[in-house]
Structures are given as C-alpha cells and as structure tokens.
Amino acid sequence: MSAVNKEYKRITTKSLVDMKSNGEKISMLTAYDYTMAKIVDGSGIDVILVGDSASNVMAGHETTLPITLDQMIYHASSVIRAIERALVVVDLPFGTYQSDPKEALRSAIRIMKESGAHAVKMEGGKEIRESIRRILNAGIPVMGHLGLTPQSIYKFGTYTVRAKEDQEADQLKEDALMLEKVGCFAIVLEKIPAKLANEVAKSVTIPVIGIGAGNGVDGQVLVTHDMLGMTHEFNPRFLRRYLDLYHSMTSAFEQYIKDVKNLDFPSDEEQY
C-alpha cells in the first residue's frame, strides 16, 4: 500500500524526494496545452511532463525527433499558465543537448526563462554527463531518463523492451547511480524489465518513475491522451485506458453534425 502522509500545496523537487522517503507513490502525466493542464493539475497530480511526445500527440509526427526547442517552449508556456500545484518538467528536445554542453545549457536556460518551467528532462546516461552537470551547475533541476529513450529510436531500431541482456542492464544501473551522483532529482525508467527497475529504485535515494517498468518503482507516468483513450492505435502492455474518449468524442461529433443538418441545433432556448 502507498502511504500518503502529507498534503502538498505545491510540489517541488524536494517534495518528490520526501514522497520516496515516506513511501508515497508519485503520480505523473503529460500535458501540452492550457486546458488539459488545468484539468490535470486540478485533479491533484504530482508532476506534469511537457513531453517531446507532443511531437506525436499534437503534431502527428512518427517520432519525437522533429519537435523544436521553440515548440517545446510554446507548449510549456501554455501549461505553466494553468498550474497551481504540480511540478512542471519539460523535455529538452532532440539535438539541443546531446553533443555540446554549452548548447545544452543555453537550451535549458531558454526553457526555464521563456516558459517558467520548474525543471528539464534529458534522455541518456554517461554520454550526456557533462551536459547534465553544466545545467545543474546553473541551478536548473534535471530529471534523467534511461531505458527506452525515444530520441534514440533510429539507433535502437525498435521500441521493444530495453536492458533485457546483462550488459545493457549493468550499464543502466551504472548510469542511474551516475545520474544520482551528478545531482539529478529523479529518473524516468521506460520499458525495462520490472525486476531491473525495482533494483534501480532500491539502489538510489532519488525517486524513480516508471513507464512500462513495473510497480516496484517510486511512481508512474503515462501520456494523458493515451490513458484517456483519445488515441486508439497505440496499445502497449503497460498502458491502462481509464476512459474511451475516442469513441465518446466521435459519437458527440456525429450527433452534433446530425443536429445541425436536421435543424435541431440551435433550439429556441439556445438562441438570443
């Protein structure tokens, strides 16, 4: 059972560490616009991720790679204006931090200054250590991301489960310890074996948030549009759909069209 020992008026990076210490699980969902963020935040969510998954969900791209820094700042700014409680973490998009630590810092500063976000998230381990360190030295909180890293999809060639082999699992564990040591406040583990994710969560003092990483971690994250059933083509094992909005919305649209065509809308009561 998850312990809930404290009511947080505002979630901070310290709040998440306290939650792990207290045994309280961390809830995390995505948002990319003001209206959705307002609803998600009002529900009492702990963390809102302005994910580069906006590239897929909002723009219709096949991968997360095309989304730009300017577009991420736009989405993050929209979300921030809706928030009263949640910690808002923004993905640094592909190409803004991988090769040049100075570019990484400039990118992170732009997100923080122009959107008002609370932290950034970065995919990778030892290969981006210097970029993480430089951003942290500027006082910007960083959430790490290991396992399946969608920005590297063309390197992997597949979205299959990562770290099933010992060598990759050992590297992931080393990277998690490195991320903690360098100063990250949390780590996302995506699509790795549950046993490995549990080992990682126990090996570090910072929170570990899973997506397709089992229930032995410190919290869970899903893409909001997926868990609401607004998308219907994407069906990974880890996804639980809490609603079927795709069909509910389709029915509503069809009824609206019918009412307009049949002169049933607007009625006398819906006119001035």
C-alpha atoms as a PDB file:
ATOM      1  CA  MET A   1       0.000   0.000   0.000  1.00  0.00           C
ATOM      2  CA  SER A   2       1.182   3.506  -0.761  1.00  0.00           C
ATOM      3  CA  ALA A   3       1.488   5.827   2.209  1.00  0.00           C
ATOM      4  CA  VAL A   4       0.081   9.334   1.924  1.00  0.00           C
ATOM      5  CA  ASN A   5       1.382  11.293   4.881  1.00  0.00           C
ATOM      6  CA  LYS A   6       1.379  14.913   3.812  1.00  0.00           C
ATOM      7  CA  GLU A   7      -0.765  17.292   1.805  1.00  0.00           C
ATOM      8  CA  TYR A   8       1.422  19.338  -0.528  1.00  0.00           C
ATOM      9  CA  LYS A   9       0.121  22.748  -1.587  1.00  0.00           C
ATOM     10  CA  ARG A  10       2.906  22.996  -4.150  1.00  0.00           C
ATOM     11  CA  ILE A  11       5.061  20.150  -5.416  1.00  0.00           C
ATOM     12  CA  THR A  12       8.804  20.761  -5.588  1.00  0.00           C
ATOM     13  CA  THR A  13      11.777  18.547  -6.340  1.00  0.00           C
ATOM     14  CA  LYS A  14      12.205  18.154  -2.561  1.00  0.00           C
ATOM     15  CA  SER A  15       8.568  17.052  -2.276  1.00  0.00           C
ATOM     16  CA  LEU A  16       9.306  14.133  -4.595  1.00  0.00           C
ATOM     17  CA  VAL A  17      12.326  13.038  -2.565  1.00  0.00           C
ATOM     18  CA  ASP A  18      10.200  13.259   0.599  1.00  0.00           C
ATOM     19  CA  MET A  19       7.493  11.152  -1.059  1.00  0.00           C
ATOM     20  CA  LYS A  20      10.015   8.423  -1.803  1.00  0.00           C
ATOM     21  CA  SER A  21      11.298   8.546   1.769  1.00  0.00           C
ATOM     22  CA  ASN A  22       7.738   8.333   3.111  1.00  0.00           C
ATOM     23  CA  GLY A  23       6.709   5.516   0.780  1.00  0.00           C
ATOM     24  CA  GLU A  24       4.188   7.666  -1.073  1.00  0.00           C
ATOM     25  CA  LYS A  25       3.952   6.863  -4.780  1.00  0.00           C
ATOM     26  CA  ILE A  26       4.402   9.723  -7.269  1.00  0.00           C
ATOM     27  CA  SER A  27       1.801  10.362  -9.972  1.00  0.00           C
ATOM     28  CA  MET A  28       2.872  11.925 -13.257  1.00  0.00           C
ATOM     29  CA  LEU A  29       1.028  12.684 -16.511  1.00  0.00           C
ATOM     30  CA  THR A  30       1.712  14.680 -19.654  1.00  0.00           C
ATOM     31  CA  ALA A  31       0.112  17.931 -20.786  1.00  0.00           C
ATOM     32  CA  TYR A  32       0.840  20.177 -23.737  1.00  0.00           C
ATOM     33  CA  ASP A  33      -1.831  22.898 -23.561  1.00  0.00           C
ATOM     34  CA  TYR A  34      -3.570  25.177 -21.046  1.00  0.00           C
ATOM     35  CA  THR A  35      -6.960  23.463 -20.947  1.00  0.00           C
ATOM     36  CA  MET A  36      -5.661  19.928 -20.404  1.00  0.00           C
ATOM     37  CA  ALA A  37      -3.052  21.131 -17.898  1.00  0.00           C
ATOM     38  CA  LYS A  38      -5.744  22.949 -15.904  1.00  0.00           C
ATOM     39  CA  ILE A  39      -7.769  19.758 -15.586  1.00  0.00           C
ATOM     40  CA  VAL A  40      -4.776  17.521 -14.813  1.00  0.00           C
ATOM     41  CA  ASP A  41      -3.376  19.923 -12.221  1.00  0.00           C
ATOM     42  CA  GLY A  42      -6.779  20.378 -10.602  1.00  0.00           C
ATOM     43  CA  SER A  43      -7.084  16.616 -10.150  1.00  0.00           C
ATOM     44  CA  GLY A  44      -4.127  16.657  -7.770  1.00  0.00           C
ATOM     45  CA  ILE A  45      -1.388  15.219  -9.984  1.00  0.00           C
ATOM     46  CA  ASP A  46       2.130  15.495  -8.573  1.00  0.00           C
ATOM     47  CA  VAL A  47       4.158  16.056 -11.764  1.00  0.00           C
ATOM     48  CA  ILE A  48       3.182  17.265 -15.215  1.00  0.00           C
ATOM     49  CA  LEU A  49       5.578  16.384 -18.013  1.00  0.00           C
ATOM     50  CA  VAL A  50       5.568  18.615 -21.059  1.00  0.00           C
ATOM     51  CA  GLY A  51       6.947  15.763 -23.096  1.00  0.00           C
ATOM     52  CA  ASP A  52       8.502  15.762 -26.516  1.00  0.00           C
ATOM     53  CA  SER A  53       5.717  13.243 -27.119  1.00  0.00           C
ATOM     54  CA  ALA A  54       3.898  16.416 -28.216  1.00  0.00           C
ATOM     55  CA  SER A  55       5.663  15.684 -31.495  1.00  0.00           C
ATOM     56  CA  ASN A  56       3.460  12.588 -31.845  1.00  0.00           C
ATOM     57  CA  VAL A  57       0.305  13.549 -29.969  1.00  0.00           C
ATOM     58  CA  MET A  58      -0.082  17.182 -31.000  1.00  0.00           C
ATOM     59  CA  ALA A  59       1.749  17.368 -34.334  1.00  0.00           C
ATOM     60  CA  GLY A  60       1.252  13.876 -35.744  1.00  0.00           C
ATOM     61  CA  HIS A  61       4.914  13.040 -36.329  1.00  0.00           C
ATOM     62  CA  GLU A  62       6.022   9.407 -36.327  1.00  0.00           C
ATOM     63  CA  THR A  63       8.794  10.060 -33.780  1.00  0.00           C
ATOM     64  CA  THR A  64       9.711  12.642 -31.152  1.00  0.00           C
ATOM     65  CA  LEU A  65      12.692  13.867 -33.162  1.00  0.00           C
ATOM     66  CA  PRO A  66      11.117  16.667 -35.260  1.00  0.00           C
ATOM     67  CA  ILE A  67       9.844  18.863 -32.414  1.00  0.00           C
ATOM     68  CA  THR A  68      11.916  22.019 -31.907  1.00  0.00           C
ATOM     69  CA  LEU A  69      13.039  23.946 -28.854  1.00  0.00           C
ATOM     70  CA  ASP A  70      10.750  26.850 -29.782  1.00  0.00           C
ATOM     71  CA  GLN A  71       7.788  24.466 -29.995  1.00  0.00           C
ATOM     72  CA  MET A  72       8.603  22.907 -26.622  1.00  0.00           C
ATOM     73  CA  ILE A  73       8.777  26.373 -25.073  1.00  0.00           C
ATOM     74  CA  TYR A  74       5.369  27.211 -26.593  1.00  0.00           C
ATOM     75  CA  HIS A  75       3.774  24.073 -25.124  1.00  0.00           C
ATOM     76  CA  ALA A  76       5.490  24.543 -21.762  1.00  0.00           C
ATOM     77  CA  SER A  77       4.371  28.183 -21.527  1.00  0.00           C
ATOM     78  CA  SER A  78       0.773  27.137 -22.178  1.00  0.00           C
ATOM     79  CA  VAL A  79       0.959  24.513 -19.437  1.00  0.00           C
ATOM     80  CA  ILE A  80       2.635  26.761 -16.873  1.00  0.00           C
ATOM     81  CA  ARG A  81      -0.169  29.322 -17.105  1.00  0.00           C
ATOM     82  CA  ALA A  82      -2.606  26.653 -15.878  1.00  0.00           C
ATOM     83  CA  ILE A  83      -0.645  25.288 -12.931  1.00  0.00           C
ATOM     84  CA  GLU A  84      -1.253  25.865  -9.239  1.00  0.00           C
ATOM     85  CA  ARG A  85       0.122  22.691  -7.627  1.00  0.00           C
ATOM     86  CA  ALA A  86       2.088  20.342  -9.874  1.00  0.00           C
ATOM     87  CA  LEU A  87       5.800  20.347 -10.615  1.00  0.00           C
ATOM     88  CA  VAL A  88       6.240  21.008 -14.340  1.00  0.00           C
ATOM     89  CA  VAL A  89       9.096  19.193 -16.089  1.00  0.00           C
ATOM     90  CA  VAL A  90       9.913  19.909 -19.738  1.00  0.00           C
ATOM     91  CA  ASP A  91      11.743  17.609 -22.144  1.00  0.00           C
ATOM     92  CA  LEU A  92      14.813  19.015 -23.812  1.00  0.00           C
ATOM     93  CA  PRO A  93      14.158  18.063 -27.448  1.00  0.00           C
ATOM     94  CA  PHE A  94      16.454  16.056 -29.689  1.00  0.00           C
ATOM     95  CA  GLY A  95      19.514  17.967 -30.888  1.00  0.00           C
ATOM     96  CA  THR A  96      19.567  20.574 -28.124  1.00  0.00           C
ATOM     97  CA  TYR A  97      21.904  18.897 -25.633  1.00  0.00           C
ATOM     98  CA  GLN A  98      23.490  15.665 -26.886  1.00  0.00           C
ATOM     99  CA  SER A  99      26.743  16.880 -28.399  1.00  0.00           C
ATOM    100  CA  ASP A 100      27.606  20.245 -26.849  1.00  0.00           C
ATOM    101  CA  PRO A 101      27.299  21.002 -23.106  1.00  0.00           C
ATOM    102  CA  LYS A 102      27.249  24.734 -23.834  1.00  0.00           C
ATOM    103  CA  GLU A 103      24.343  24.274 -26.240  1.00  0.00           C
ATOM    104  CA  ALA A 104      22.634  22.116 -23.624  1.00  0.00           C
ATOM    105  CA  LEU A 105      22.896  24.897 -21.059  1.00  0.00           C
ATOM    106  CA  ARG A 106      21.602  27.512 -23.496  1.00  0.00           C
ATOM    107  CA  SER A 107      18.646  25.277 -24.326  1.00  0.00           C
ATOM    108  CA  ALA A 108      17.780  24.630 -20.685  1.00  0.00           C
ATOM    109  CA  ILE A 109      18.058  28.321 -19.809  1.00  0.00           C
ATOM    110  CA  ARG A 110      15.693  29.233 -22.646  1.00  0.00           C
ATOM    111  CA  ILE A 111      13.106  26.732 -21.417  1.00  0.00           C
ATOM    112  CA  MET A 112      13.308  27.975 -17.837  1.00  0.00           C
ATOM    113  CA  LYS A 113      13.309  31.704 -18.681  1.00  0.00           C
ATOM    114  CA  GLU A 114      10.809  31.738 -21.535  1.00  0.00           C
ATOM    115  CA  SER A 115       8.292  29.193 -20.246  1.00  0.00           C
ATOM    116  CA  GLY A 116       8.603  29.458 -16.472  1.00  0.00           C
ATOM    117  CA  ALA A 117       9.050  25.692 -16.145  1.00  0.00           C
ATOM    118  CA  HIS A 118      10.367  24.123 -12.959  1.00  0.00           C
ATOM    119  CA  ALA A 119      12.804  21.530 -14.356  1.00  0.00           C
ATOM    120  CA  VAL A 120      14.021  19.837 -17.529  1.00  0.00           C
ATOM    121  CA  LYS A 121      14.279  16.177 -18.511  1.00  0.00           C
ATOM    122  CA  MET A 122      17.067  14.630 -20.569  1.00  0.00           C
ATOM    123  CA  GLU A 123      17.459  11.188 -22.140  1.00  0.00           C
ATOM    124  CA  GLY A 124      20.702   9.290 -21.683  1.00  0.00           C
ATOM    125  CA  GLY A 125      23.437   8.283 -19.273  1.00  0.00           C
ATOM    126  CA  LYS A 126      27.185   8.715 -19.191  1.00  0.00           C
ATOM    127  CA  GLU A 127      27.279  10.084 -22.746  1.00  0.00           C
ATOM    128  CA  ILE A 128      25.472  13.269 -21.657  1.00  0.00           C
ATOM    129  CA  ARG A 129      27.033  13.613 -18.204  1.00  0.00           C
ATOM    130  CA  GLU A 130      28.814  16.883 -18.963  1.00  0.00           C
ATOM    131  CA  SER A 131      25.651  18.454 -20.358  1.00  0.00           C
ATOM    132  CA  ILE A 132      23.737  17.460 -17.226  1.00  0.00           C
ATOM    133  CA  ARG A 133      26.470  18.756 -14.955  1.00  0.00           C
ATOM    134  CA  ARG A 134      26.617  22.118 -16.708  1.00  0.00           C
ATOM    135  CA  ILE A 135      22.838  22.566 -16.478  1.00  0.00           C
ATOM    136  CA  LEU A 136      22.800  21.585 -12.812  1.00  0.00           C
ATOM    137  CA  ASN A 137      25.645  23.988 -12.075  1.00  0.00           C
ATOM    138  CA  ALA A 138      23.414  26.772 -13.382  1.00  0.00           C
ATOM    139  CA  GLY A 139      20.810  25.861 -10.766  1.00  0.00           C
ATOM    140  CA  ILE A 140      18.382  24.139 -13.132  1.00  0.00           C
ATOM    141  CA  PRO A 141      16.876  20.865 -11.808  1.00  0.00           C
ATOM    142  CA  VAL A 142      17.306  17.856 -14.108  1.00  0.00           C
ATOM    143  CA  MET A 143      15.254  14.683 -14.332  1.00  0.00           C
ATOM    144  CA  GLY A 144      17.084  11.807 -16.018  1.00  0.00           C
ATOM    145  CA  HIS A 145      15.606   9.238 -18.416  1.00  0.00           C
ATOM    146  CA  LEU A 146      17.008   5.754 -19.012  1.00  0.00           C
ATOM    147  CA  GLY A 147      15.894   2.534 -20.677  1.00  0.00           C
ATOM    148  CA  LEU A 148      13.952   3.061 -23.866  1.00  0.00           C
ATOM    149  CA  THR A 149      14.923   6.564 -24.956  1.00  0.00           C
ATOM    150  CA  PRO A 150      12.660   7.543 -27.874  1.00  0.00           C
ATOM    151  CA  GLN A 151      15.034  10.228 -29.137  1.00  0.00           C
ATOM    152  CA  SER A 152      17.450   7.378 -29.963  1.00  0.00           C
ATOM    153  CA  ILE A 153      14.873   5.285 -31.796  1.00  0.00           C
ATOM    154  CA  TYR A 154      16.868   5.165 -35.031  1.00  0.00           C
ATOM    155  CA  LYS A 155      19.879   3.901 -33.089  1.00  0.00           C
ATOM    156  CA  PHE A 156      17.835   1.128 -31.440  1.00  0.00           C
ATOM    157  CA  GLY A 157      15.683   0.466 -34.498  1.00  0.00           C
ATOM    158  CA  THR A 158      12.763  -0.706 -32.361  1.00  0.00           C
ATOM    159  CA  TYR A 159      10.542   0.284 -29.433  1.00  0.00           C
ATOM    160  CA  THR A 160      10.999  -3.115 -27.792  1.00  0.00           C
ATOM    161  CA  VAL A 161      11.859  -3.616 -24.108  1.00  0.00           C
ATOM    162  CA  ARG A 162      15.373  -2.446 -23.232  1.00  0.00           C
ATOM    163  CA  ALA A 163      18.032  -3.837 -20.866  1.00  0.00           C
ATOM    164  CA  LYS A 164      16.956  -7.482 -21.064  1.00  0.00           C
ATOM    165  CA  GLU A 165      20.578  -8.559 -21.568  1.00  0.00           C
ATOM    166  CA  ASP A 166      23.060  -8.402 -18.673  1.00  0.00           C
ATOM    167  CA  GLN A 167      25.464  -5.961 -20.320  1.00  0.00           C
ATOM    168  CA  GLU A 168      22.811  -3.344 -21.039  1.00  0.00           C
ATOM    169  CA  ALA A 169      21.196  -3.900 -17.625  1.00  0.00           C
ATOM    170  CA  ASP A 170      24.536  -3.366 -15.860  1.00  0.00           C
ATOM    171  CA  GLN A 171      25.136  -0.186 -17.860  1.00  0.00           C
ATOM    172  CA  LEU A 172      21.677   1.102 -16.972  1.00  0.00           C
ATOM    173  CA  LYS A 173      22.345   0.523 -13.270  1.00  0.00           C
ATOM    174  CA  GLU A 174      25.665   2.345 -13.555  1.00  0.00           C
ATOM    175  CA  ASP A 175      24.013   5.232 -15.361  1.00  0.00           C
ATOM    176  CA  ALA A 176      21.301   5.508 -12.694  1.00  0.00           C
ATOM    177  CA  LEU A 177      23.916   5.777  -9.958  1.00  0.00           C
ATOM    178  CA  MET A 178      25.793   8.339 -12.033  1.00  0.00           C
ATOM    179  CA  LEU A 179      22.641  10.442 -12.518  1.00  0.00           C
ATOM    180  CA  GLU A 180      22.054  10.446  -8.781  1.00  0.00           C
ATOM    181  CA  LYS A 181      25.684  11.296  -8.020  1.00  0.00           C
ATOM    182  CA  VAL A 182      25.846  14.161 -10.513  1.00  0.00           C
ATOM    183  CA  GLY A 183      22.725  15.704  -8.952  1.00  0.00           C
ATOM    184  CA  CYS A 184      19.557  14.709 -10.848  1.00  0.00           C
ATOM    185  CA  PHE A 185      16.446  14.914  -8.640  1.00  0.00           C
ATOM    186  CA  ALA A 186      14.640  11.951 -10.257  1.00  0.00           C
ATOM    187  CA  ILE A 187      14.893   9.374 -13.034  1.00  0.00           C
ATOM    188  CA  VAL A 188      12.338   8.051 -15.514  1.00  0.00           C
ATOM    189  CA  LEU A 189      12.781   4.402 -16.485  1.00  0.00           C
ATOM    190  CA  GLU A 190      10.979   3.463 -19.680  1.00  0.00           C
ATOM    191  CA  LYS A 191      10.100  -0.021 -20.881  1.00  0.00           C
ATOM    192  CA  ILE A 192      12.576  -2.166 -18.971  1.00  0.00           C
ATOM    193  CA  PRO A 193      12.055  -5.406 -17.009  1.00  0.00           C
ATOM    194  CA  ALA A 194      10.197  -4.842 -13.725  1.00  0.00           C
ATOM    195  CA  LYS A 195      12.837  -6.701 -11.699  1.00  0.00           C
ATOM    196  CA  LEU A 196      15.604  -4.456 -13.005  1.00  0.00           C
ATOM    197  CA  ALA A 197      13.555  -1.303 -12.403  1.00  0.00           C
ATOM    198  CA  ASN A 198      12.942  -2.390  -8.807  1.00  0.00           C
ATOM    199  CA  GLU A 199      16.675  -2.948  -8.295  1.00  0.00           C
ATOM    200  CA  VAL A 200      17.446   0.518  -9.634  1.00  0.00           C
ATOM    201  CA  ALA A 201      14.795   2.163  -7.444  1.00  0.00           C
ATOM    202  CA  LYS A 202      16.293   0.495  -4.363  1.00  0.00           C
ATOM    203  CA  SER A 203      19.845   1.447  -5.327  1.00  0.00           C
ATOM    204  CA  VAL A 204      19.273   5.215  -5.446  1.00  0.00           C
ATOM    205  CA  THR A 205      17.844   7.705  -2.951  1.00  0.00           C
ATOM    206  CA  ILE A 206      16.171   9.841  -5.633  1.00  0.00           C
ATOM    207  CA  PRO A 207      12.714   8.939  -6.982  1.00  0.00           C
ATOM    208  CA  VAL A 208      12.440   6.542  -9.909  1.00  0.00           C
ATOM    209  CA  ILE A 209       9.323   6.976 -12.046  1.00  0.00           C
ATOM    210  CA  GLY A 210       8.375   4.188 -14.405  1.00  0.00           C
ATOM    211  CA  ILE A 211       6.550   3.821 -17.681  1.00  0.00           C
ATOM    212  CA  GLY A 212       6.389   0.170 -18.590  1.00  0.00           C
ATOM    213  CA  ALA A 213       8.798  -0.575 -15.736  1.00  0.00           C
ATOM    214  CA  GLY A 214       6.583  -2.431 -13.282  1.00  0.00           C
ATOM    215  CA  ASN A 215       5.249  -1.462  -9.861  1.00  0.00           C
ATOM    216  CA  GLY A 216       8.472  -1.670  -7.876  1.00  0.00           C
ATOM    217  CA  VAL A 217       9.444   1.927  -8.637  1.00  0.00           C
ATOM    218  CA  ASP A 218       8.532   5.152  -6.819  1.00  0.00           C
ATOM    219  CA  GLY A 219       5.901   6.448  -9.233  1.00  0.00           C
ATOM    220  CA  GLN A 220       4.279   6.108 -12.625  1.00  0.00           C
ATOM    221  CA  VAL A 221       3.902   8.266 -15.728  1.00  0.00           C
ATOM    222  CA  LEU A 222       1.597   7.885 -18.736  1.00  0.00           C
ATOM    223  CA  VAL A 223       0.764  10.033 -21.740  1.00  0.00           C
ATOM    224  CA  THR A 224      -2.574  11.642 -20.854  1.00  0.00           C
ATOM    225  CA  HIS A 225      -4.068  11.251 -24.322  1.00  0.00           C
ATOM    226  CA  ASP A 226      -3.289   7.523 -24.174  1.00  0.00           C
ATOM    227  CA  MET A 227      -4.740   6.855 -20.717  1.00  0.00           C
ATOM    228  CA  LEU A 228      -7.890   8.810 -21.610  1.00  0.00           C
ATOM    229  CA  GLY A 229      -8.358   6.691 -24.724  1.00  0.00           C
ATOM    230  CA  MET A 230      -8.147   9.656 -27.094  1.00  0.00           C
ATOM    231  CA  THR A 231      -5.588   7.660 -29.061  1.00  0.00           C
ATOM    232  CA  HIS A 232      -6.545   4.141 -30.068  1.00  0.00           C
ATOM    233  CA  GLU A 233      -3.804   2.807 -32.358  1.00  0.00           C
ATOM    234  CA  PHE A 234      -1.174   2.600 -29.572  1.00  0.00           C
ATOM    235  CA  ASN A 235      -1.621  -0.498 -27.375  1.00  0.00           C
ATOM    236  CA  PRO A 236       1.483  -1.356 -25.330  1.00  0.00           C
ATOM    237  CA  ARG A 237       1.120  -3.766 -22.417  1.00  0.00           C
ATOM    238  CA  PHE A 238       1.846  -1.061 -19.829  1.00  0.00           C
ATOM    239  CA  LEU A 239      -0.981   1.248 -20.941  1.00  0.00           C
ATOM    240  CA  ARG A 240      -4.187   1.248 -18.918  1.00  0.00           C
ATOM    241  CA  ARG A 241      -7.012   3.206 -20.558  1.00  0.00           C
ATOM    242  CA  TYR A 242      -9.175   4.853 -17.917  1.00  0.00           C
ATOM    243  CA  LEU A 243     -11.657   6.220 -20.470  1.00  0.00           C
ATOM    244  CA  ASP A 244     -12.587   5.620 -24.099  1.00  0.00           C
ATOM    245  CA  LEU A 245     -12.742   9.227 -25.236  1.00  0.00           C
ATOM    246  CA  TYR A 246     -12.026   8.354 -28.847  1.00  0.00           C
ATOM    247  CA  HIS A 247     -15.405   6.742 -29.302  1.00  0.00           C
ATOM    248  CA  SER A 248     -17.227   9.086 -26.906  1.00  0.00           C
ATOM    249  CA  MET A 249     -15.946  12.134 -28.764  1.00  0.00           C
ATOM    250  CA  THR A 250     -16.658  10.595 -32.148  1.00  0.00           C
ATOM    251  CA  SER A 251     -20.259   9.949 -31.082  1.00  0.00           C
ATOM    252  CA  ALA A 252     -20.620  13.516 -29.823  1.00  0.00           C
ATOM    253  CA  PHE A 253     -19.283  14.959 -33.076  1.00  0.00           C
ATOM    254  CA  GLU A 254     -21.570  12.746 -35.136  1.00  0.00           C
ATOM    255  CA  GLN A 255     -24.588  13.798 -33.056  1.00  0.00           C
ATOM    256  CA  TYR A 256     -23.650  17.478 -33.442  1.00  0.00           C
ATOM    257  CA  ILE A 257     -23.378  17.085 -37.226  1.00  0.00           C
ATOM    258  CA  LYS A 258     -26.746  15.339 -37.317  1.00  0.00           C
ATOM    259  CA  ASP A 259     -28.391  18.057 -35.175  1.00  0.00           C
ATOM    260  CA  VAL A 260     -27.012  20.830 -37.398  1.00  0.00           C
ATOM    261  CA  LYS A 261     -28.086  19.107 -40.595  1.00  0.00           C
ATOM    262  CA  ASN A 262     -31.581  18.435 -39.208  1.00  0.00           C
ATOM    263  CA  LEU A 263     -32.021  21.968 -37.822  1.00  0.00           C
ATOM    264  CA  ASP A 264     -32.233  20.569 -34.276  1.00  0.00           C
ATOM    265  CA  PHE A 265     -29.365  22.815 -33.191  1.00  0.00           C
ATOM    266  CA  PRO A 266     -29.701  25.504 -32.074  1.00  0.00           C
ATOM    267  CA  SER A 267     -33.113  25.147 -30.453  1.00  0.00           C
ATOM    268  CA  ASP A 268     -35.332  28.081 -29.458  1.00  0.00           C
ATOM    269  CA  GLU A 269     -33.790  28.014 -25.971  1.00  0.00           C
ATOM    270  CA  GLU A 270     -30.285  28.226 -27.468  1.00  0.00           C
ATOM    271  CA  GLN A 271     -30.948  31.444 -29.394  1.00  0.00           C
ATOM    272  CA  TYR A 272     -30.964  35.116 -28.387  1.00  0.00           C
END
